[in-house]
Amino acid sequence: MNEENDVIMERFRKEAQDGRISCAACFRIADEFGMEKSGIASLLTGMGIKIVHCQLGCFP
């Protein structure tokens, strides 16, 4: 794991509440770090964070 990944993961952890994070927050963070949105779900699943309030039905 590199330092940039650690920073990204910490950003998701700070935004998440009770192990959950909104889809809108995920998209905002992805844009902030220039991430592909398609990789968000697997990253967060590995972190034990669930995506909620999905806007497009991407994350059931």
PDB file of N, CA and C in Angstrom:
ATOM      1  N   MET A   1       0.866  -1.180   0.000  1.00  0.00           N
ATOM      2  CA  MET A   1       0.000   0.000   0.000  1.00  0.00           C
ATOM      3  C   MET A   1       0.904   1.231   0.000  1.00  0.00           C
ATOM      4  N   ASN A   2       0.614   2.173  -0.865  1.00  0.00           N
ATOM      5  CA  ASN A   2       1.458   3.369  -0.907  1.00  0.00           C
ATOM      6  C   ASN A   2       0.814   4.517  -0.128  1.00  0.00           C
ATOM      7  N   GLU A   3       1.561   5.579   0.029  1.00  0.00           N
ATOM      8  CA  GLU A   3       1.111   6.708   0.848  1.00  0.00           C
ATOM      9  C   GLU A   3      -0.153   7.354   0.288  1.00  0.00           C
ATOM     10  N   GLU A   4      -0.245   7.468  -1.042  1.00  0.00           N
ATOM     11  CA  GLU A   4      -1.445   8.063  -1.641  1.00  0.00           C
ATOM     12  C   GLU A   4      -2.682   7.223  -1.330  1.00  0.00           C
ATOM     13  N   ASN A   5      -2.555   5.889  -1.414  1.00  0.00           N
ATOM     14  CA  ASN A   5      -3.687   5.026  -1.078  1.00  0.00           C
ATOM     15  C   ASN A   5      -4.093   5.204   0.379  1.00  0.00           C
ATOM     16  N   ASP A   6      -3.117   5.339   1.258  1.00  0.00           N
ATOM     17  CA  ASP A   6      -3.414   5.560   2.674  1.00  0.00           C
ATOM     18  C   ASP A   6      -4.203   6.853   2.863  1.00  0.00           C
ATOM     19  N   VAL A   7      -3.821   7.897   2.143  1.00  0.00           N
ATOM     20  CA  VAL A   7      -4.510   9.188   2.239  1.00  0.00           C
ATOM     21  C   VAL A   7      -5.943   9.059   1.725  1.00  0.00           C
ATOM     22  N   ILE A   8      -6.119   8.365   0.608  1.00  0.00           N
ATOM     23  CA  ILE A   8      -7.456   8.167   0.035  1.00  0.00           C
ATOM     24  C   ILE A   8      -8.332   7.375   0.998  1.00  0.00           C
ATOM     25  N   MET A   9      -7.796   6.289   1.533  1.00  0.00           N
ATOM     26  CA  MET A   9      -8.573   5.461   2.459  1.00  0.00           C
ATOM     27  C   MET A   9      -8.943   6.247   3.714  1.00  0.00           C
ATOM     28  N   GLU A  10      -8.029   7.047   4.213  1.00  0.00           N
ATOM     29  CA  GLU A  10      -8.327   7.866   5.391  1.00  0.00           C
ATOM     30  C   GLU A  10      -9.436   8.864   5.088  1.00  0.00           C
ATOM     31  N   ARG A  11      -9.428   9.409   3.892  1.00  0.00           N
ATOM     32  CA  ARG A  11     -10.478  10.363   3.485  1.00  0.00           C
ATOM     33  C   ARG A  11     -11.847   9.689   3.487  1.00  0.00           C
ATOM     34  N   PHE A  12     -11.923   8.452   2.963  1.00  0.00           N
ATOM     35  CA  PHE A  12     -13.182   7.707   2.989  1.00  0.00           C
ATOM     36  C   PHE A  12     -13.589   7.390   4.428  1.00  0.00           C
ATOM     37  N   ARG A  13     -12.631   6.998   5.264  1.00  0.00           N
ATOM     38  CA  ARG A  13     -12.949   6.695   6.672  1.00  0.00           C
ATOM     39  C   ARG A  13     -13.516   7.916   7.391  1.00  0.00           C
ATOM     40  N   LYS A  14     -12.935   9.084   7.143  1.00  0.00           N
ATOM     41  CA  LYS A  14     -13.404  10.308   7.803  1.00  0.00           C
ATOM     42  C   LYS A  14     -14.815  10.675   7.369  1.00  0.00           C
ATOM     43  N   GLU A  15     -15.142  10.410   6.112  1.00  0.00           N
ATOM     44  CA  GLU A  15     -16.467  10.759   5.588  1.00  0.00           C
ATOM     45  C   GLU A  15     -17.532   9.754   6.029  1.00  0.00           C
ATOM     46  N   ALA A  16     -17.137   8.506   6.233  1.00  0.00           N
ATOM     47  CA  ALA A  16     -18.087   7.450   6.606  1.00  0.00           C
ATOM     48  C   ALA A  16     -18.563   7.641   8.046  1.00  0.00           C
ATOM     49  N   GLN A  17     -19.818   7.289   8.261  1.00  0.00           N
ATOM     50  CA  GLN A  17     -20.391   7.323   9.608  1.00  0.00           C
ATOM     51  C   GLN A  17     -21.013   5.966   9.881  1.00  0.00           C
ATOM     52  N   ASP A  18     -20.636   5.358  10.982  1.00  0.00           N
ATOM     53  CA  ASP A  18     -21.148   4.041  11.361  1.00  0.00           C
ATOM     54  C   ASP A  18     -20.954   3.017  10.252  1.00  0.00           C
ATOM     55  N   GLY A  19     -19.810   3.080   9.566  1.00  0.00           N
ATOM     56  CA  GLY A  19     -19.500   2.116   8.522  1.00  0.00           C
ATOM     57  C   GLY A  19     -20.285   2.301   7.242  1.00  0.00           C
ATOM     58  N   ARG A  20     -20.856   3.496   7.054  1.00  0.00           N
ATOM     59  CA  ARG A  20     -21.659   3.779   5.866  1.00  0.00           C
ATOM     60  C   ARG A  20     -21.257   5.127   5.280  1.00  0.00           C
ATOM     61  N   ILE A  21     -21.360   5.225   3.948  1.00  0.00           N
ATOM     62  CA  ILE A  21     -21.018   6.466   3.260  1.00  0.00           C
ATOM     63  C   ILE A  21     -21.979   6.642   2.091  1.00  0.00           C
ATOM     64  N   SER A  22     -22.376   7.868   1.828  1.00  0.00           N
ATOM     65  CA  SER A  22     -23.316   8.110   0.728  1.00  0.00           C
ATOM     66  C   SER A  22     -22.612   8.012  -0.618  1.00  0.00           C
ATOM     67  N   CYS A  23     -23.383   7.671  -1.609  1.00  0.00           N
ATOM     68  CA  CYS A  23     -22.886   7.604  -2.982  1.00  0.00           C
ATOM     69  C   CYS A  23     -22.329   8.970  -3.396  1.00  0.00           C
ATOM     70  N   ALA A  24     -23.037  10.030  -3.066  1.00  0.00           N
ATOM     71  CA  ALA A  24     -22.594  11.377  -3.436  1.00  0.00           C
ATOM     72  C   ALA A  24     -21.223  11.682  -2.837  1.00  0.00           C
ATOM     73  N   ALA A  25     -21.014  11.289  -1.583  1.00  0.00           N
ATOM     74  CA  ALA A  25     -19.715  11.508  -0.943  1.00  0.00           C
ATOM     75  C   ALA A  25     -18.625  10.698  -1.642  1.00  0.00           C
ATOM     76  N   CYS A  26     -18.948   9.473  -2.039  1.00  0.00           N
ATOM     77  CA  CYS A  26     -17.979   8.634  -2.764  1.00  0.00           C
ATOM     78  C   CYS A  26     -17.562   9.290  -4.064  1.00  0.00           C
ATOM     79  N   PHE A  27     -18.534   9.783  -4.819  1.00  0.00           N
ATOM     80  CA  PHE A  27     -18.234  10.424  -6.097  1.00  0.00           C
ATOM     81  C   PHE A  27     -17.398  11.684  -5.883  1.00  0.00           C
ATOM     82  N   ARG A  28     -17.714  12.441  -4.848  1.00  0.00           N
ATOM     83  CA  ARG A  28     -16.976  13.672  -4.553  1.00  0.00           C
ATOM     84  C   ARG A  28     -15.509  13.352  -4.214  1.00  0.00           C
ATOM     85  N   ILE A  29     -15.306  12.331  -3.385  1.00  0.00           N
ATOM     86  CA  ILE A  29     -13.947  11.949  -2.996  1.00  0.00           C
ATOM     87  C   ILE A  29     -13.190  11.395  -4.203  1.00  0.00           C
ATOM     88  N   ALA A  30     -13.858  10.589  -5.006  1.00  0.00           N
ATOM     89  CA  ALA A  30     -13.221  10.044  -6.215  1.00  0.00           C
ATOM     90  C   ALA A  30     -12.761  11.178  -7.128  1.00  0.00           C
ATOM     91  N   ASP A  31     -13.611  12.171  -7.309  1.00  0.00           N
ATOM     92  CA  ASP A  31     -13.239  13.324  -8.137  1.00  0.00           C
ATOM     93  C   ASP A  31     -12.064  14.086  -7.527  1.00  0.00           C
ATOM     94  N   GLU A  32     -12.092  14.225  -6.212  1.00  0.00           N
ATOM     95  CA  GLU A  32     -11.033  14.941  -5.489  1.00  0.00           C
ATOM     96  C   GLU A  32      -9.656  14.309  -5.736  1.00  0.00           C
ATOM     97  N   PHE A  33      -9.628  12.973  -5.818  1.00  0.00           N
ATOM     98  CA  PHE A  33      -8.367  12.256  -5.984  1.00  0.00           C
ATOM     99  C   PHE A  33      -8.143  11.752  -7.407  1.00  0.00           C
ATOM    100  N   GLY A  34      -9.051  12.076  -8.325  1.00  0.00           N
ATOM    101  CA  GLY A  34      -8.907  11.633  -9.710  1.00  0.00           C
ATOM    102  C   GLY A  34      -9.041  10.127  -9.871  1.00  0.00           C
ATOM    103  N   MET A  35      -9.874   9.511  -9.025  1.00  0.00           N
ATOM    104  CA  MET A  35     -10.069   8.060  -9.054  1.00  0.00           C
ATOM    105  C   MET A  35     -11.131   7.672 -10.067  1.00  0.00           C
ATOM    106  N   GLU A  36     -11.016   6.453 -10.593  1.00  0.00           N
ATOM    107  CA  GLU A  36     -12.084   5.875 -11.401  1.00  0.00           C
ATOM    108  C   GLU A  36     -13.214   5.482 -10.452  1.00  0.00           C
ATOM    109  N   LYS A  37     -14.413   5.884 -10.757  1.00  0.00           N
ATOM    110  CA  LYS A  37     -15.543   5.577  -9.880  1.00  0.00           C
ATOM    111  C   LYS A  37     -15.828   4.076  -9.824  1.00  0.00           C
ATOM    112  N   SER A  38     -15.437   3.359 -10.861  1.00  0.00           N
ATOM    113  CA  SER A  38     -15.687   1.919 -10.909  1.00  0.00           C
ATOM    114  C   SER A  38     -14.908   1.147  -9.840  1.00  0.00           C
ATOM    115  N   GLY A  39     -13.852   1.709  -9.302  1.00  0.00           N
ATOM    116  CA  GLY A  39     -13.059   1.023  -8.295  1.00  0.00           C
ATOM    117  C   GLY A  39     -13.460   1.316  -6.864  1.00  0.00           C
ATOM    118  N   ILE A  40     -14.416   2.208  -6.688  1.00  0.00           N
ATOM    119  CA  ILE A  40     -14.796   2.628  -5.340  1.00  0.00           C
ATOM    120  C   ILE A  40     -15.400   1.485  -4.537  1.00  0.00           C
ATOM    121  N   ALA A  41     -16.336   0.757  -5.130  1.00  0.00           N
ATOM    122  CA  ALA A  41     -17.059  -0.287  -4.399  1.00  0.00           C
ATOM    123  C   ALA A  41     -16.111  -1.339  -3.833  1.00  0.00           C
ATOM    124  N   SER A  42     -15.173  -1.815  -4.635  1.00  0.00           N
ATOM    125  CA  SER A  42     -14.266  -2.854  -4.143  1.00  0.00           C
ATOM    126  C   SER A  42     -13.345  -2.316  -3.048  1.00  0.00           C
ATOM    127  N   LEU A  43     -12.901  -1.085  -3.196  1.00  0.00           N
ATOM    128  CA  LEU A  43     -12.065  -0.472  -2.164  1.00  0.00           C
ATOM    129  C   LEU A  43     -12.822  -0.397  -0.842  1.00  0.00           C
ATOM    130  N   LEU A  44     -14.044   0.127  -0.894  1.00  0.00           N
ATOM    131  CA  LEU A  44     -14.818   0.303   0.333  1.00  0.00           C
ATOM    132  C   LEU A  44     -15.257  -1.025   0.932  1.00  0.00           C
ATOM    133  N   THR A  45     -15.564  -2.005   0.097  1.00  0.00           N
ATOM    134  CA  THR A  45     -15.911  -3.330   0.608  1.00  0.00           C
ATOM    135  C   THR A  45     -14.739  -3.886   1.409  1.00  0.00           C
ATOM    136  N   GLY A  46     -13.546  -3.739   0.879  1.00  0.00           N
ATOM    137  CA  GLY A  46     -12.352  -4.188   1.586  1.00  0.00           C
ATOM    138  C   GLY A  46     -12.112  -3.448   2.887  1.00  0.00           C
ATOM    139  N   MET A  47     -12.616  -2.223   2.962  1.00  0.00           N
ATOM    140  CA  MET A  47     -12.474  -1.416   4.173  1.00  0.00           C
ATOM    141  C   MET A  47     -13.624  -1.643   5.145  1.00  0.00           C
ATOM    142  N   GLY A  48     -14.638  -2.405   4.723  1.00  0.00           N
ATOM    143  CA  GLY A  48     -15.795  -2.651   5.580  1.00  0.00           C
ATOM    144  C   GLY A  48     -16.771  -1.490   5.617  1.00  0.00           C
ATOM    145  N   ILE A  49     -16.777  -0.661   4.576  1.00  0.00           N
ATOM    146  CA  ILE A  49     -17.675   0.495   4.498  1.00  0.00           C
ATOM    147  C   ILE A  49     -18.727   0.225   3.431  1.00  0.00           C
ATOM    148  N   LYS A  50     -19.987   0.455   3.766  1.00  0.00           N
ATOM    149  CA  LYS A  50     -21.102   0.222   2.850  1.00  0.00           C
ATOM    150  C   LYS A  50     -21.551   1.542   2.223  1.00  0.00           C
ATOM    151  N   ILE A  51     -21.800   1.510   0.915  1.00  0.00           N
ATOM    152  CA  ILE A  51     -22.286   2.687   0.194  1.00  0.00           C
ATOM    153  C   ILE A  51     -23.806   2.719   0.282  1.00  0.00           C
ATOM    154  N   VAL A  52     -24.351   3.871   0.670  1.00  0.00           N
ATOM    155  CA  VAL A  52     -25.806   4.030   0.815  1.00  0.00           C
ATOM    156  C   VAL A  52     -26.286   5.233   0.012  1.00  0.00           C
ATOM    157  N   HIS A  53     -27.596   5.320  -0.158  1.00  0.00           N
ATOM    158  CA  HIS A  53     -28.233   6.432  -0.879  1.00  0.00           C
ATOM    159  C   HIS A  53     -27.656   6.580  -2.284  1.00  0.00           C
ATOM    160  N   CYS A  54     -27.586   5.453  -2.993  1.00  0.00           N
ATOM    161  CA  CYS A  54     -27.010   5.477  -4.334  1.00  0.00           C
ATOM    162  C   CYS A  54     -27.907   6.248  -5.287  1.00  0.00           C
ATOM    163  N   GLN A  55     -27.307   7.138  -6.027  1.00  0.00           N
ATOM    164  CA  GLN A  55     -28.024   8.019  -6.934  1.00  0.00           C
ATOM    165  C   GLN A  55     -28.342   7.357  -8.268  1.00  0.00           C
ATOM    166  N   LEU A  56     -27.507   6.440  -8.716  1.00  0.00           N
ATOM    167  CA  LEU A  56     -27.650   5.875 -10.056  1.00  0.00           C
ATOM    168  C   LEU A  56     -27.930   4.378 -10.054  1.00  0.00           C
ATOM    169  N   GLY A  57     -28.038   3.775  -8.891  1.00  0.00           N
ATOM    170  CA  GLY A  57     -28.237   2.332  -8.824  1.00  0.00           C
ATOM    171  C   GLY A  57     -26.951   1.553  -9.055  1.00  0.00           C
ATOM    172  N   CYS A  58     -25.824   2.220  -8.964  1.00  0.00           N
ATOM    173  CA  CYS A  58     -24.530   1.566  -9.195  1.00  0.00           C
ATOM    174  C   CYS A  58     -24.136   0.662  -8.031  1.00  0.00           C
ATOM    175  N   PHE A  59     -24.545   1.034  -6.836  1.00  0.00           N
ATOM    176  CA  PHE A  59     -24.142   0.312  -5.638  1.00  0.00           C
ATOM    177  C   PHE A  59     -25.387  -0.170  -4.906  1.00  0.00           C
ATOM    178  N   PRO A  60     -25.821  -1.400  -5.191  1.00  0.00           N
ATOM    179  CA  PRO A  60     -27.057  -1.905  -4.554  1.00  0.00           C
ATOM    180  C   PRO A  60     -26.878  -2.148  -3.069  1.00  0.00           C
TER     181      PRO A  60
END
